[in-house]
Structure formats: structure tokens, C-alpha cells
Amino acid sequence: MLKFHCHTCEESFNISFENLYNKESICCQNCGHYVPTDVVKSLRDFSTAYMDAVDSLYNAGEYKKCWSLSIAGSDTLVPKKKEKLSNFLDNLDNNKNVSYWKHRSKKD
């Protein structure tokens, strides 16, 4: 289950992984603000990879020689809400990270 939080209206809603694989668009059910198209595509790919992994475990398992997995929940919202001048300040920063995740950040 993924929890979406719209910073336009501060509303939250959930979508289960099994329901992401065929989403063409996702929007806030309260204000209609859309999630960017490239994000929806990445979430579809993520959902498909998750379901493929579960199917592989399901088909490969034997009695007492099998695996299960679950996705542990976290209420930490990522990335953090953009502040009023954050886009302007990001453009001034020549060492700006291209990824939210520090281990994926690339430096010039």
C-alpha cells in the first residue's frame, strides 16, 4: 500500500500495490491535483516488479524451503514538502543532487 499526500490541499489517500499496475493517472481525490505522468509510470513499473517477485516466490516455493515478503510501513513522507523559495534556491546550487536519495546522488 502506498500513501499519497497532496501538498496542494493537504489530503492523503492510499493505493494498494496490486492496483498500481494499470494506472494511467493518479490524482488527489479531494482537489484533483495530478501526480506527474513520469511518476505514475515509475509506480506502475514498481508494482509490476513487486508482483513479479511475489509470483516468482510463489512458483519456486517448496515445503519449508520458501520465502515470503511484505512491505513494512512508514509514515515518513518523501520527498519533503517544497518550501516557497526551494525551486529558486535549488537552481542557484551548482552542487545540486539529482536524486533525493544520497546514495544515488551524482556529482559533476
N, C-alpha and C. Protein backbone atom coordinates (compact mmCIF):
# COMPACT_ATOMS: atom_id res chain seq x y z
N MET A 1 0.84 -1.17 0.00
CA MET A 1 0.00 0.00 0.00
C MET A 1 0.89 1.24 0.00
N LEU A 2 0.60 2.15 -0.89
CA LEU A 2 1.30 3.43 -0.91
C LEU A 2 0.36 4.52 -0.42
N LYS A 3 0.91 5.39 0.40
CA LYS A 3 0.14 6.53 0.89
C LYS A 3 0.60 7.76 0.11
N PHE A 4 -0.33 8.44 -0.52
CA PHE A 4 -0.05 9.66 -1.25
C PHE A 4 -0.51 10.84 -0.41
N HIS A 5 0.29 11.90 -0.40
CA HIS A 5 -0.08 13.10 0.34
C HIS A 5 0.00 14.29 -0.60
N CYS A 6 -1.12 14.94 -0.85
CA CYS A 6 -1.19 16.10 -1.74
C CYS A 6 -0.89 17.35 -0.93
N HIS A 7 0.17 18.05 -1.30
CA HIS A 7 0.52 19.27 -0.58
C HIS A 7 -0.28 20.47 -1.06
N THR A 8 -1.07 20.30 -2.11
CA THR A 8 -1.94 21.38 -2.57
C THR A 8 -3.07 21.60 -1.57
N CYS A 9 -3.69 20.49 -1.14
CA CYS A 9 -4.83 20.59 -0.21
C CYS A 9 -4.59 19.88 1.12
N GLU A 10 -3.40 19.25 1.27
CA GLU A 10 -3.01 18.53 2.50
C GLU A 10 -3.85 17.28 2.75
N GLU A 11 -4.45 16.72 1.71
CA GLU A 11 -5.23 15.49 1.81
C GLU A 11 -4.33 14.28 1.55
N SER A 12 -4.62 13.14 2.18
CA SER A 12 -3.89 11.89 1.96
C SER A 12 -4.85 10.81 1.51
N PHE A 13 -4.33 9.87 0.70
CA PHE A 13 -5.12 8.72 0.28
C PHE A 13 -4.16 7.57 -0.02
N ASN A 14 -4.69 6.36 -0.04
CA ASN A 14 -3.88 5.15 -0.24
C ASN A 14 -4.26 4.46 -1.54
N ILE A 15 -3.26 3.81 -2.15
CA ILE A 15 -3.49 2.92 -3.30
C ILE A 15 -2.66 1.67 -3.04
N SER A 16 -3.28 0.50 -3.14
CA SER A 16 -2.54 -0.75 -2.92
C SER A 16 -1.67 -1.06 -4.13
N PHE A 17 -0.58 -1.79 -3.89
CA PHE A 17 0.36 -2.14 -4.96
C PHE A 17 -0.34 -2.85 -6.11
N GLU A 18 -1.26 -3.73 -5.77
CA GLU A 18 -1.95 -4.52 -6.78
C GLU A 18 -2.80 -3.65 -7.71
N ASN A 19 -3.13 -2.45 -7.27
CA ASN A 19 -3.96 -1.56 -8.09
C ASN A 19 -3.15 -0.50 -8.83
N LEU A 20 -1.84 -0.53 -8.69
CA LEU A 20 -1.00 0.46 -9.38
C LEU A 20 -0.64 0.05 -10.80
N TYR A 21 -0.63 -1.26 -11.07
CA TYR A 21 -0.07 -1.76 -12.34
C TYR A 21 -0.79 -1.24 -13.58
N ASN A 22 -2.05 -0.83 -13.46
CA ASN A 22 -2.79 -0.39 -14.64
C ASN A 22 -3.18 1.08 -14.58
N LYS A 23 -2.61 1.83 -13.67
CA LYS A 23 -2.96 3.25 -13.54
C LYS A 23 -2.31 4.06 -14.65
N GLU A 24 -3.12 4.83 -15.35
CA GLU A 24 -2.62 5.76 -16.36
C GLU A 24 -2.40 7.14 -15.73
N SER A 25 -3.19 7.42 -14.70
CA SER A 25 -3.04 8.68 -13.99
C SER A 25 -3.49 8.49 -12.55
N ILE A 26 -2.98 9.35 -11.70
CA ILE A 26 -3.36 9.37 -10.29
C ILE A 26 -3.58 10.83 -9.92
N CYS A 27 -4.71 11.11 -9.30
CA CYS A 27 -4.96 12.48 -8.87
C CYS A 27 -5.55 12.49 -7.47
N CYS A 28 -5.39 13.61 -6.82
CA CYS A 28 -5.94 13.79 -5.48
C CYS A 28 -7.46 13.70 -5.57
N GLN A 29 -8.04 12.88 -4.74
CA GLN A 29 -9.49 12.70 -4.75
C GLN A 29 -10.21 13.90 -4.15
N ASN A 30 -9.46 14.77 -3.49
CA ASN A 30 -10.06 15.95 -2.87
C ASN A 30 -10.03 17.17 -3.79
N CYS A 31 -8.84 17.48 -4.36
CA CYS A 31 -8.71 18.71 -5.15
C CYS A 31 -8.44 18.47 -6.64
N GLY A 32 -8.16 17.23 -7.04
CA GLY A 32 -7.93 16.93 -8.45
C GLY A 32 -6.52 17.18 -8.96
N HIS A 33 -5.58 17.53 -8.08
CA HIS A 33 -4.18 17.76 -8.48
C HIS A 33 -3.57 16.42 -8.91
N TYR A 34 -2.97 16.39 -10.13
CA TYR A 34 -2.43 15.15 -10.69
C TYR A 34 -0.99 14.88 -10.27
N VAL A 35 -0.68 13.61 -10.06
CA VAL A 35 0.69 13.15 -9.87
C VAL A 35 1.35 13.21 -11.25
N PRO A 36 2.60 13.67 -11.36
CA PRO A 36 3.27 13.74 -12.67
C PRO A 36 3.27 12.39 -13.40
N THR A 37 3.11 12.43 -14.71
CA THR A 37 2.99 11.23 -15.54
C THR A 37 4.19 10.30 -15.39
N ASP A 38 5.42 10.86 -15.34
CA ASP A 38 6.61 10.00 -15.22
C ASP A 38 6.64 9.29 -13.87
N VAL A 39 6.07 9.89 -12.84
CA VAL A 39 5.99 9.25 -11.53
C VAL A 39 5.01 8.09 -11.58
N VAL A 40 3.87 8.30 -12.24
CA VAL A 40 2.87 7.23 -12.37
C VAL A 40 3.46 6.04 -13.11
N LYS A 41 4.23 6.30 -14.19
CA LYS A 41 4.86 5.21 -14.94
C LYS A 41 5.85 4.45 -14.05
N SER A 42 6.66 5.17 -13.28
CA SER A 42 7.61 4.51 -12.38
C SER A 42 6.89 3.67 -11.33
N LEU A 43 5.77 4.16 -10.83
CA LEU A 43 4.99 3.40 -9.85
C LEU A 43 4.37 2.16 -10.47
N ARG A 44 3.93 2.26 -11.74
CA ARG A 44 3.42 1.08 -12.46
C ARG A 44 4.52 0.04 -12.60
N ASP A 45 5.71 0.47 -12.99
CA ASP A 45 6.85 -0.44 -13.13
C ASP A 45 7.19 -1.08 -11.79
N PHE A 46 7.16 -0.29 -10.72
CA PHE A 46 7.42 -0.79 -9.37
C PHE A 46 6.38 -1.84 -8.99
N SER A 47 5.14 -1.56 -9.26
CA SER A 47 4.06 -2.50 -8.93
C SER A 47 4.24 -3.81 -9.69
N THR A 48 4.57 -3.71 -10.97
CA THR A 48 4.78 -4.91 -11.78
C THR A 48 5.97 -5.71 -11.25
N ALA A 49 7.07 -5.04 -10.91
CA ALA A 49 8.25 -5.74 -10.37
C ALA A 49 7.91 -6.42 -9.04
N TYR A 50 7.14 -5.75 -8.20
CA TYR A 50 6.73 -6.33 -6.92
C TYR A 50 5.89 -7.58 -7.15
N MET A 51 4.89 -7.48 -8.03
CA MET A 51 4.03 -8.64 -8.30
C MET A 51 4.81 -9.77 -8.96
N ASP A 52 5.78 -9.44 -9.84
CA ASP A 52 6.63 -10.47 -10.46
C ASP A 52 7.46 -11.19 -9.40
N ALA A 53 7.99 -10.44 -8.43
CA ALA A 53 8.79 -11.06 -7.36
C ALA A 53 7.92 -11.99 -6.52
N VAL A 54 6.71 -11.57 -6.17
CA VAL A 54 5.81 -12.42 -5.39
C VAL A 54 5.44 -13.67 -6.19
N ASP A 55 5.15 -13.51 -7.49
CA ASP A 55 4.84 -14.67 -8.33
C ASP A 55 6.01 -15.64 -8.40
N SER A 56 7.23 -15.11 -8.51
CA SER A 56 8.42 -15.98 -8.55
C SER A 56 8.57 -16.75 -7.25
N LEU A 57 8.38 -16.09 -6.12
CA LEU A 57 8.44 -16.78 -4.83
C LEU A 57 7.34 -17.83 -4.72
N TYR A 58 6.16 -17.50 -5.19
CA TYR A 58 5.01 -18.41 -5.15
C TYR A 58 5.29 -19.67 -5.97
N ASN A 59 5.85 -19.50 -7.15
CA ASN A 59 6.09 -20.63 -8.05
C ASN A 59 7.33 -21.44 -7.68
N ALA A 60 8.29 -20.85 -6.97
CA ALA A 60 9.54 -21.54 -6.65
C ALA A 60 9.49 -22.24 -5.29
N GLY A 61 8.50 -21.95 -4.50
CA GLY A 61 8.47 -22.44 -3.14
C GLY A 61 8.18 -23.92 -3.01
N GLU A 62 8.80 -24.52 -1.99
CA GLU A 62 8.53 -25.90 -1.60
C GLU A 62 8.30 -25.91 -0.09
N TYR A 63 7.80 -27.02 0.42
CA TYR A 63 7.53 -27.12 1.84
C TYR A 63 8.79 -26.84 2.65
N LYS A 64 8.73 -25.88 3.52
CA LYS A 64 9.82 -25.43 4.40
C LYS A 64 11.05 -24.92 3.65
N LYS A 65 10.94 -24.73 2.37
CA LYS A 65 12.03 -24.15 1.57
C LYS A 65 11.42 -23.06 0.70
N CYS A 66 10.93 -22.04 1.37
CA CYS A 66 10.26 -20.97 0.63
C CYS A 66 10.48 -19.64 1.35
N TRP A 67 10.07 -18.60 0.69
CA TRP A 67 10.20 -17.25 1.22
C TRP A 67 8.87 -16.53 1.09
N SER A 68 8.67 -15.58 1.98
CA SER A 68 7.56 -14.63 1.89
C SER A 68 8.13 -13.24 2.11
N LEU A 69 7.42 -12.26 1.68
CA LEU A 69 7.87 -10.90 1.92
C LEU A 69 6.67 -10.00 2.18
N SER A 70 6.94 -8.89 2.81
CA SER A 70 5.92 -7.87 2.99
C SER A 70 6.61 -6.52 2.93
N ILE A 71 5.85 -5.52 2.69
CA ILE A 71 6.41 -4.17 2.64
C ILE A 71 6.07 -3.50 3.97
N ALA A 72 7.11 -3.14 4.69
CA ALA A 72 6.93 -2.53 6.00
C ALA A 72 6.49 -1.08 5.84
N GLY A 73 5.59 -0.67 6.67
CA GLY A 73 5.04 0.68 6.56
C GLY A 73 5.90 1.74 7.22
N SER A 74 5.80 2.91 6.71
CA SER A 74 6.47 4.07 7.28
C SER A 74 5.57 5.28 7.03
N ASP A 75 5.44 6.12 8.01
CA ASP A 75 4.65 7.33 7.83
C ASP A 75 5.51 8.54 7.46
N THR A 76 6.79 8.29 7.19
CA THR A 76 7.68 9.37 6.78
C THR A 76 7.40 9.71 5.33
N LEU A 77 6.98 10.94 5.07
CA LEU A 77 6.70 11.37 3.71
C LEU A 77 7.99 11.74 3.00
N VAL A 78 8.19 11.22 1.81
CA VAL A 78 9.35 11.56 0.99
C VAL A 78 8.89 11.88 -0.42
N PRO A 79 9.47 12.84 -1.09
CA PRO A 79 10.35 13.84 -0.51
C PRO A 79 9.56 14.81 0.35
N LYS A 80 10.29 15.62 1.09
CA LYS A 80 9.63 16.60 1.95
C LYS A 80 8.92 17.65 1.11
N LYS A 81 7.96 18.31 1.73
CA LYS A 81 7.20 19.36 1.06
C LYS A 81 8.14 20.47 0.60
N LYS A 82 7.94 20.95 -0.61
CA LYS A 82 8.74 22.06 -1.14
C LYS A 82 8.35 23.35 -0.42
N GLU A 83 9.35 24.09 -0.02
CA GLU A 83 9.12 25.39 0.61
C GLU A 83 8.96 26.45 -0.47
N LYS A 84 8.53 27.63 -0.09
CA LYS A 84 8.18 28.68 -1.04
C LYS A 84 9.30 29.00 -2.03
N LEU A 85 10.53 29.12 -1.59
CA LEU A 85 11.64 29.50 -2.46
C LEU A 85 12.56 28.33 -2.81
N SER A 86 12.16 27.11 -2.52
CA SER A 86 13.07 25.97 -2.69
C SER A 86 13.48 25.75 -4.14
N ASN A 87 12.58 25.91 -5.11
CA ASN A 87 12.97 25.71 -6.51
C ASN A 87 13.99 26.76 -6.93
N PHE A 88 13.81 28.00 -6.52
CA PHE A 88 14.76 29.06 -6.83
C PHE A 88 16.12 28.77 -6.21
N LEU A 89 16.12 28.36 -4.95
CA LEU A 89 17.38 28.06 -4.26
C LEU A 89 18.07 26.84 -4.86
N ASP A 90 17.30 25.83 -5.27
CA ASP A 90 17.89 24.65 -5.92
C ASP A 90 18.61 25.03 -7.20
N ASN A 91 18.05 25.96 -7.96
CA ASN A 91 18.67 26.38 -9.21
C ASN A 91 19.96 27.15 -8.98
N LEU A 92 20.09 27.80 -7.83
CA LEU A 92 21.33 28.53 -7.50
C LEU A 92 22.44 27.60 -7.05
N ASP A 93 22.08 26.42 -6.59
CA ASP A 93 23.04 25.47 -6.03
C ASP A 93 23.69 24.67 -7.15
N ASN A 94 24.97 24.94 -7.44
CA ASN A 94 25.67 24.23 -8.51
C ASN A 94 25.94 22.78 -8.17
N ASN A 95 25.95 22.43 -6.90
CA ASN A 95 26.19 21.05 -6.47
C ASN A 95 24.89 20.33 -6.16
N LYS A 96 23.84 20.76 -6.78
CA LYS A 96 22.51 20.19 -6.54
C LYS A 96 22.51 18.68 -6.82
N ASN A 97 21.93 17.93 -5.91
CA ASN A 97 21.79 16.48 -6.11
C ASN A 97 20.72 16.22 -7.15
N VAL A 98 20.92 15.21 -7.98
CA VAL A 98 19.92 14.85 -8.97
C VAL A 98 18.97 13.79 -8.44
N SER A 99 19.22 13.32 -7.24
CA SER A 99 18.36 12.33 -6.61
C SER A 99 18.07 12.75 -5.18
N TYR A 100 16.88 12.45 -4.72
CA TYR A 100 16.54 12.68 -3.32
C TYR A 100 17.40 11.81 -2.41
N TRP A 101 17.72 10.60 -2.89
CA TRP A 101 18.47 9.62 -2.11
C TRP A 101 19.96 9.90 -2.21
N LYS A 102 20.62 10.10 -1.08
CA LYS A 102 22.04 10.46 -1.08
C LYS A 102 22.91 9.42 -1.77
N HIS A 103 22.60 8.14 -1.61
CA HIS A 103 23.43 7.10 -2.24
C HIS A 103 23.26 7.06 -3.75
N ARG A 104 22.26 7.75 -4.29
CA ARG A 104 22.05 7.80 -5.74
C ARG A 104 22.46 9.14 -6.33
N SER A 105 22.93 10.06 -5.51
CA SER A 105 23.26 11.40 -5.97
C SER A 105 24.50 11.36 -6.84
N LYS A 106 24.47 12.15 -7.88
CA LYS A 106 25.60 12.23 -8.81
C LYS A 106 26.18 13.63 -8.73
N LYS A 107 27.47 13.69 -8.69
CA LYS A 107 28.17 14.98 -8.69
C LYS A 107 28.82 15.16 -10.05
N ASP A 108 28.94 16.42 -10.47
CA ASP A 108 29.60 16.71 -11.75
C ASP A 108 31.08 16.44 -11.67
